[in-house]
Protein backbone atom coordinates (compact mmCIF):
# COMPACT_ATOMS: atom_id res chain seq x y z
CA MET A 1 -7.37 -41.56 3.97
CA LEU A 2 -5.82 -43.87 1.40
CA ALA A 3 -5.72 -47.53 2.54
CA PRO A 4 -2.52 -48.74 3.75
CA LEU A 5 -2.84 -52.04 1.66
CA LEU A 6 -5.35 -53.21 -0.89
CA ILE A 7 -5.86 -56.46 -1.92
CA GLY A 8 -8.68 -57.40 -5.57
CA ALA A 9 -9.96 -60.80 -4.57
CA ASP A 10 -13.42 -59.54 -6.50
CA GLY A 11 -13.58 -62.30 -9.43
CA ALA A 12 -13.09 -62.47 -12.94
CA GLY A 13 -14.96 -59.16 -13.59
CA SER A 14 -12.54 -57.08 -11.05
CA ALA A 15 -13.72 -53.67 -10.57
CA LEU A 16 -9.85 -53.05 -8.92
CA ARG A 17 -8.66 -54.55 -11.96
CA THR A 18 -10.67 -52.23 -14.28
CA ALA A 19 -9.73 -49.19 -12.38
CA LEU A 20 -5.63 -50.06 -12.48
CA ALA A 21 -6.29 -50.63 -15.73
CA GLY A 22 -8.11 -47.49 -16.75
CA SER A 23 -5.55 -45.85 -15.05
CA GLY A 24 -2.65 -47.15 -16.81
CA HIS A 25 -1.17 -48.85 -14.21
CA LEU A 26 -1.64 -52.48 -15.46
CA GLU A 27 -2.58 -54.07 -19.16
CA ALA A 28 -5.36 -56.62 -19.23
CA LEU A 29 -6.40 -58.94 -21.58
CA GLU A 30 -9.29 -61.50 -21.80
CA SER A 31 -9.28 -64.10 -24.14
CA PRO A 32 -12.98 -65.21 -24.75
CA LEU A 33 -13.62 -68.41 -25.58
CA ALA A 34 -15.05 -69.30 -29.11
CA HIS A 35 -17.48 -71.78 -26.96
CA ASP A 36 -20.76 -71.35 -25.11
CA TYR A 37 -22.30 -73.06 -22.49
CA LYS A 38 -25.73 -73.54 -20.77
CA GLU A 39 -27.22 -75.98 -18.05
CA PHE A 40 -29.96 -78.09 -17.40
CA LEU A 41 -31.35 -79.88 -14.83
CA ILE A 42 -31.76 -83.86 -14.82
CA GLU A 43 -33.98 -84.39 -12.34
CA PRO A 44 -34.09 -87.66 -10.08
CA ARG A 45 -35.67 -91.12 -11.32
CA GLU A 46 -38.05 -92.79 -8.74
CA GLY A 47 -35.94 -91.04 -6.14
CA THR A 48 -32.90 -91.69 -6.95
CA TRP A 49 -29.68 -90.64 -10.12
CA ALA A 50 -31.19 -90.95 -13.51
CA LEU A 51 -27.27 -91.87 -14.34
CA GLU A 52 -24.74 -93.32 -12.47
CA PRO A 53 -23.70 -90.87 -9.73
CA HIS A 54 -20.26 -91.81 -9.00
CA ALA A 55 -19.06 -90.60 -12.55
CA LEU A 56 -18.61 -87.59 -14.70
CA HIS A 57 -20.59 -88.19 -17.70
CA VAL A 58 -19.17 -87.13 -21.04
CA TRP A 59 -20.57 -87.08 -24.67
CA PRO A 60 -17.70 -86.16 -26.71
CA ARG A 61 -18.26 -84.60 -30.21
CA GLY A 62 -15.54 -83.30 -31.74
CA GLY A 63 -15.88 -79.66 -31.79
CA PHE A 64 -18.24 -79.86 -28.63
CA MET A 65 -19.88 -81.88 -26.16
CA LEU A 66 -22.29 -82.64 -22.85
CA ILE A 67 -21.28 -83.38 -19.52
CA ALA A 68 -23.25 -84.55 -16.41
CA LEU A 69 -22.60 -83.79 -12.60
CA PRO A 70 -24.62 -85.39 -10.19
CA ASN A 71 -25.78 -83.69 -7.10
CA VAL A 72 -25.97 -84.49 -3.51
CA ASP A 73 -30.04 -84.35 -3.93
CA GLY A 74 -30.04 -86.91 -6.83
CA SER A 75 -30.03 -84.78 -9.36
CA PHE A 76 -27.75 -84.27 -12.21
CA THR A 77 -26.31 -81.07 -13.95
CA GLY A 78 -25.74 -81.29 -17.45
CA THR A 79 -24.28 -78.76 -19.42
CA LEU A 80 -23.59 -78.34 -23.35
CA PHE A 81 -20.44 -76.25 -24.51
CA LEU A 82 -21.00 -75.86 -28.18
CA ALA A 83 -19.66 -72.78 -30.56
CA ARG A 84 -21.53 -69.45 -30.31
CA SER A 85 -21.89 -69.43 -33.99
CA GLY A 86 -20.93 -71.33 -37.31
CA THR A 87 -22.70 -74.91 -37.50
CA PRO A 88 -23.54 -76.60 -35.25
CA SER A 89 -23.59 -73.65 -32.38
CA PHE A 90 -25.85 -71.71 -30.33
CA ALA A 91 -26.58 -69.12 -33.14
CA SER A 92 -28.12 -72.26 -35.03
CA LEU A 93 -30.11 -73.34 -32.63
CA SER A 94 -33.16 -70.86 -32.97
CA SER A 95 -35.80 -72.47 -32.67
CA SER A 96 -37.55 -75.57 -30.46
CA ALA A 97 -37.68 -77.66 -33.06
CA ALA A 98 -33.84 -77.28 -33.80
CA VAL A 99 -33.03 -77.76 -30.37
CA ALA A 100 -35.01 -81.13 -30.36
CA ASP A 101 -33.48 -81.98 -33.73
CA PHE A 102 -30.22 -81.38 -32.59
CA PHE A 103 -30.10 -83.29 -29.12
CA HIS A 104 -32.30 -86.12 -30.93
CA ARG A 105 -29.30 -86.53 -33.43
CA GLU A 106 -26.44 -85.90 -31.77
CA PHE A 107 -27.18 -86.62 -27.72
CA PRO A 108 -30.22 -89.72 -28.76
CA ASP A 109 -29.87 -91.04 -25.47
CA VAL A 110 -30.26 -87.72 -23.34
CA PRO A 111 -33.76 -86.20 -24.12
CA PRO A 112 -35.67 -88.91 -22.44
CA LEU A 113 -33.51 -87.72 -19.36
CA LEU A 114 -34.99 -84.38 -20.46
CA PRO A 115 -38.37 -84.41 -20.88
CA GLN A 116 -38.42 -80.62 -20.53
CA LEU A 117 -35.08 -79.98 -22.60
CA ARG A 118 -36.99 -77.06 -24.84
CA GLU A 119 -38.16 -75.02 -22.27
CA GLN A 120 -35.56 -75.40 -19.74
CA PHE A 121 -33.40 -74.60 -23.25
CA ALA A 122 -35.06 -71.87 -23.69
CA ALA A 123 -35.44 -70.45 -20.15
CA HIS A 124 -31.46 -70.79 -19.04
CA PRO A 125 -28.80 -68.60 -19.75
CA GLN A 126 -26.56 -68.91 -22.19
CA GLY A 127 -23.17 -68.52 -20.45
CA HIS A 128 -19.58 -67.01 -21.57
CA LEU A 129 -16.16 -68.32 -20.98
CA ALA A 130 -12.79 -66.60 -21.08
CA THR A 131 -9.01 -66.44 -19.94
CA VAL A 132 -8.13 -63.47 -18.28
CA ALA A 133 -4.61 -62.33 -17.58
CA CYS A 134 -2.91 -59.16 -16.80
CA ARG A 135 0.75 -57.63 -16.05
CA PRO A 136 1.58 -56.67 -13.63
CA TRP A 137 -0.82 -57.94 -10.89
CA SER A 138 0.02 -54.90 -8.35
CA ALA A 139 0.14 -50.90 -8.29
CA GLY A 140 1.66 -49.19 -5.62
CA ALA A 141 -0.32 -50.85 -2.29
CA CYS A 142 -2.56 -52.73 -4.59
CA VAL A 143 -2.20 -56.24 -5.47
CA LEU A 144 -4.79 -58.87 -7.39
CA ILE A 145 -5.10 -62.38 -6.32
CA GLY A 146 -7.03 -65.39 -7.29
CA ASP A 147 -9.77 -64.78 -10.68
CA ALA A 148 -9.28 -61.09 -10.39
CA ALA A 149 -5.51 -61.65 -11.45
CA HIS A 150 -5.51 -64.48 -14.13
CA ALA A 151 -9.31 -66.01 -14.54
CA ILE A 152 -9.04 -69.31 -16.26
CA LEU A 153 -11.57 -71.53 -17.92
CA PRO A 154 -13.12 -74.26 -15.85
CA PHE A 155 -12.07 -77.51 -17.13
CA HIS A 156 -9.89 -78.56 -14.87
CA GLY A 157 -11.94 -77.18 -11.42
CA GLN A 158 -8.70 -75.62 -9.88
CA GLY A 159 -9.76 -71.88 -9.97
CA LEU A 160 -10.38 -71.23 -6.80
CA ASN A 161 -7.28 -73.83 -5.50
CA CYS A 162 -5.04 -71.36 -7.53
CA GLY A 163 -6.71 -68.59 -5.42
CA PHE A 164 -5.94 -70.20 -2.08
CA GLU A 165 -2.22 -70.75 -3.64
CA ASP A 166 -2.05 -67.11 -4.09
CA CYS A 167 -3.35 -66.41 -0.33
CA LEU A 168 -0.96 -68.47 1.19
CA LEU A 169 1.90 -67.32 -0.77
CA LEU A 170 1.10 -63.48 -0.63
CA ASP A 171 0.30 -64.12 3.38
CA GLU A 172 3.92 -65.30 3.79
CA LEU A 173 5.54 -62.83 1.55
CA LEU A 174 3.69 -59.90 3.42
CA ALA A 175 5.30 -61.34 6.19
CA ALA A 176 8.50 -61.66 5.35
CA HIS A 177 9.01 -58.05 3.59
CA ALA A 178 9.40 -55.07 5.29
CA ASP A 179 7.01 -53.04 2.60
CA SER A 180 4.00 -54.16 0.67
CA PRO A 181 5.36 -53.69 -2.96
CA ALA A 182 8.61 -55.84 -2.46
CA ALA A 183 5.84 -59.07 -1.11
CA PHE A 184 4.09 -58.04 -4.16
CA THR A 185 7.19 -58.66 -6.54
CA ALA A 186 7.92 -61.54 -5.09
CA TYR A 187 4.70 -62.90 -5.22
CA GLU A 188 3.80 -62.37 -8.79
CA ALA A 189 7.27 -63.39 -9.59
CA ALA A 190 7.10 -66.50 -7.51
CA ARG A 191 3.22 -67.55 -9.07
CA ARG A 192 2.96 -66.02 -12.65
CA GLY A 193 4.95 -69.00 -14.48
CA ASN A 194 2.01 -71.51 -12.28
CA THR A 195 -0.80 -69.54 -13.21
CA GLU A 196 0.16 -69.39 -16.92
CA ALA A 197 0.54 -73.03 -17.02
CA ILE A 198 -3.02 -74.18 -15.57
CA ALA A 199 -4.61 -72.01 -18.06
CA ALA A 200 -3.36 -73.60 -20.83
CA MET A 201 -3.63 -76.79 -19.49
CA ALA A 202 -7.54 -75.53 -18.44
CA LEU A 203 -8.03 -75.06 -22.44
CA GLU A 204 -6.38 -78.19 -22.77
CA ASN A 205 -8.06 -80.46 -21.18
CA TYR A 206 -11.30 -79.22 -22.93
CA GLN A 207 -9.78 -80.06 -25.99
CA GLU A 208 -9.47 -83.39 -24.93
CA MET A 209 -13.02 -83.85 -23.21
CA ARG A 210 -14.48 -82.85 -26.27
CA ASP A 211 -12.67 -84.65 -28.83
CA THR A 212 -9.06 -86.28 -28.12
CA VAL A 213 -10.73 -88.83 -26.16
CA ARG A 214 -12.17 -90.10 -29.43
CA ALA A 215 -9.07 -90.83 -30.82
CA PRO A 216 -8.66 -94.71 -32.25
CA ASP A 217 -5.25 -94.66 -29.75
CA PHE A 218 -6.73 -93.25 -26.44
CA PRO A 219 -7.47 -96.36 -24.73
CA ARG A 220 -4.34 -97.62 -25.29
CA ARG A 221 -2.50 -94.26 -24.17
CA ARG A 222 -4.68 -94.36 -20.62
CA ALA A 223 -3.68 -97.96 -20.75
CA LEU A 224 -0.27 -97.72 -20.75
CA GLU A 225 -0.03 -94.37 -18.90
CA MET A 226 -1.76 -96.61 -15.80
CA ARG A 227 0.91 -99.19 -16.17
CA LEU A 228 3.84 -96.99 -15.97
CA GLU A 229 2.17 -95.13 -12.62
CA ARG A 230 1.43 -98.57 -11.29
CA LEU A 231 5.36 -99.88 -12.10
CA PHE A 232 7.01 -96.28 -10.91
CA PRO A 233 4.71 -94.24 -8.89
CA ASN A 234 7.00 -92.17 -7.56
CA ARG A 235 8.41 -91.10 -11.36
CA PHE A 236 5.38 -91.32 -13.39
CA ILE A 237 1.94 -89.66 -12.63
CA PRO A 238 -0.41 -89.17 -15.10
CA ARG A 239 -0.82 -84.87 -15.82
CA TYR A 240 -4.31 -84.89 -14.56
CA SER A 241 -3.34 -86.28 -11.47
CA MET A 242 -0.92 -84.15 -10.81
CA VAL A 243 -2.85 -81.38 -11.33
CA MET A 244 -6.16 -82.64 -9.30
CA PHE A 245 -4.71 -84.51 -6.54
CA HIS A 246 -1.19 -83.23 -6.03
CA ALA A 247 -1.07 -80.08 -4.26
CA GLU A 248 2.65 -80.43 -3.38
CA ILE A 249 3.44 -80.61 -7.45
CA PRO A 250 3.30 -76.79 -8.80
CA TYR A 251 1.00 -76.23 -11.80
CA ALA A 252 4.00 -75.75 -14.01
CA GLU A 253 6.35 -78.24 -12.60
CA ALA A 254 3.19 -80.84 -13.52
CA GLN A 255 2.89 -79.26 -17.16
CA ARG A 256 6.67 -79.95 -17.55
CA ARG A 257 6.33 -83.33 -16.72
CA GLY A 258 3.34 -83.66 -18.20
CA ALA A 259 4.97 -82.93 -21.70
CA LEU A 260 7.93 -85.06 -21.17
CA GLN A 261 5.24 -88.36 -20.15
CA GLU A 262 3.31 -87.32 -23.49
CA GLY A 263 6.68 -87.99 -25.56
CA ILE A 264 6.99 -91.44 -23.68
CA LEU A 265 3.71 -92.70 -24.34
CA ASP A 266 3.67 -91.29 -28.33
CA GLU A 267 7.04 -93.62 -27.65
CA LEU A 268 5.37 -96.16 -26.65
CA LEU A 269 2.19 -96.24 -29.31
CA LYS A 270 4.79 -96.27 -32.20
CA ARG A 271 5.44 -99.79 -30.86
CA ALA A 272 3.57 -102.70 -31.43
CA ALA A 273 1.06 -103.44 -29.03
CA GLY A 274 2.42 -105.18 -25.94
CA SER A 275 6.09 -104.97 -27.33
CA GLY A 276 6.33 -101.26 -25.52
CA GLU A 277 5.23 -102.83 -22.24
CA ASP A 278 8.62 -104.27 -20.95
CA PRO A 279 9.42 -102.90 -17.28
CA ARG A 280 13.17 -102.53 -18.16
CA LEU A 281 12.22 -100.57 -21.73
CA LEU A 282 9.95 -98.36 -19.40
CA ALA A 283 12.75 -97.47 -16.85
CA GLN A 284 14.57 -96.42 -19.71
CA LEU A 285 12.37 -94.24 -21.37
CA LEU A 286 11.41 -92.66 -17.77
CA THR A 287 15.56 -92.33 -17.17
CA GLY A 288 15.98 -91.00 -21.13
CA ALA A 289 13.45 -88.49 -20.30
CA GLY A 290 15.13 -86.83 -16.84
CA LEU A 291 11.88 -88.71 -14.73
């Protein structure tokens, strides 16, 4: 007997999506990131964290980066994001000596935190990253939600939140429509723009973490951003904050407003330091941008 409703919430490697694509009901596209990742465990030191625990630690190096996140047991999970091939790359780190040389050259303060760096590098798997998209998200009585429909890169930490938003909307629409296919069509129409927006912003956030933060004007850009938020909290919210801390703002709207705000920051950065911080001028720029 056929199921009256089948919801595929089986993740980025969705078997349901694969079956629907294989039978010609949808088109699926996987866009691999050219960078892979490898994790390391930074053990506690003398019973406590080896680094400041109330922080995300980032070692940006342009084309790659290392990050460390605190765990409740006093350890840190360090993650190296690096190109799969080329120089430097995971492919170039083919020996224990090459690994040690790479870390001492690029992250000289990290090897003391990882006395078993070589052993961990050899033992831990090399993970792969990709964005997954498909069209449509449904066929007949089958519908995809979350990563099964639109897997994204992890650099905004929004994959699970995005999936929860799918669940809430789909539940509402199934109750509001007499038949499932109509609900599925409305669900995809309402969600697709937001899922495409967060997929793009996740990639952009990776590029910012590994590269843009090194730009000479980055500190002033962020200082201006904070000043605008303090002066106009209802009109200017940094895009990162909109995505991470404002569930009431859809991803597509955060992307749209973020682009307008970046234009304002670009304009302010063209001015001499201090000359673009007059509140009246800032208000005029916001109004001109439609914010």
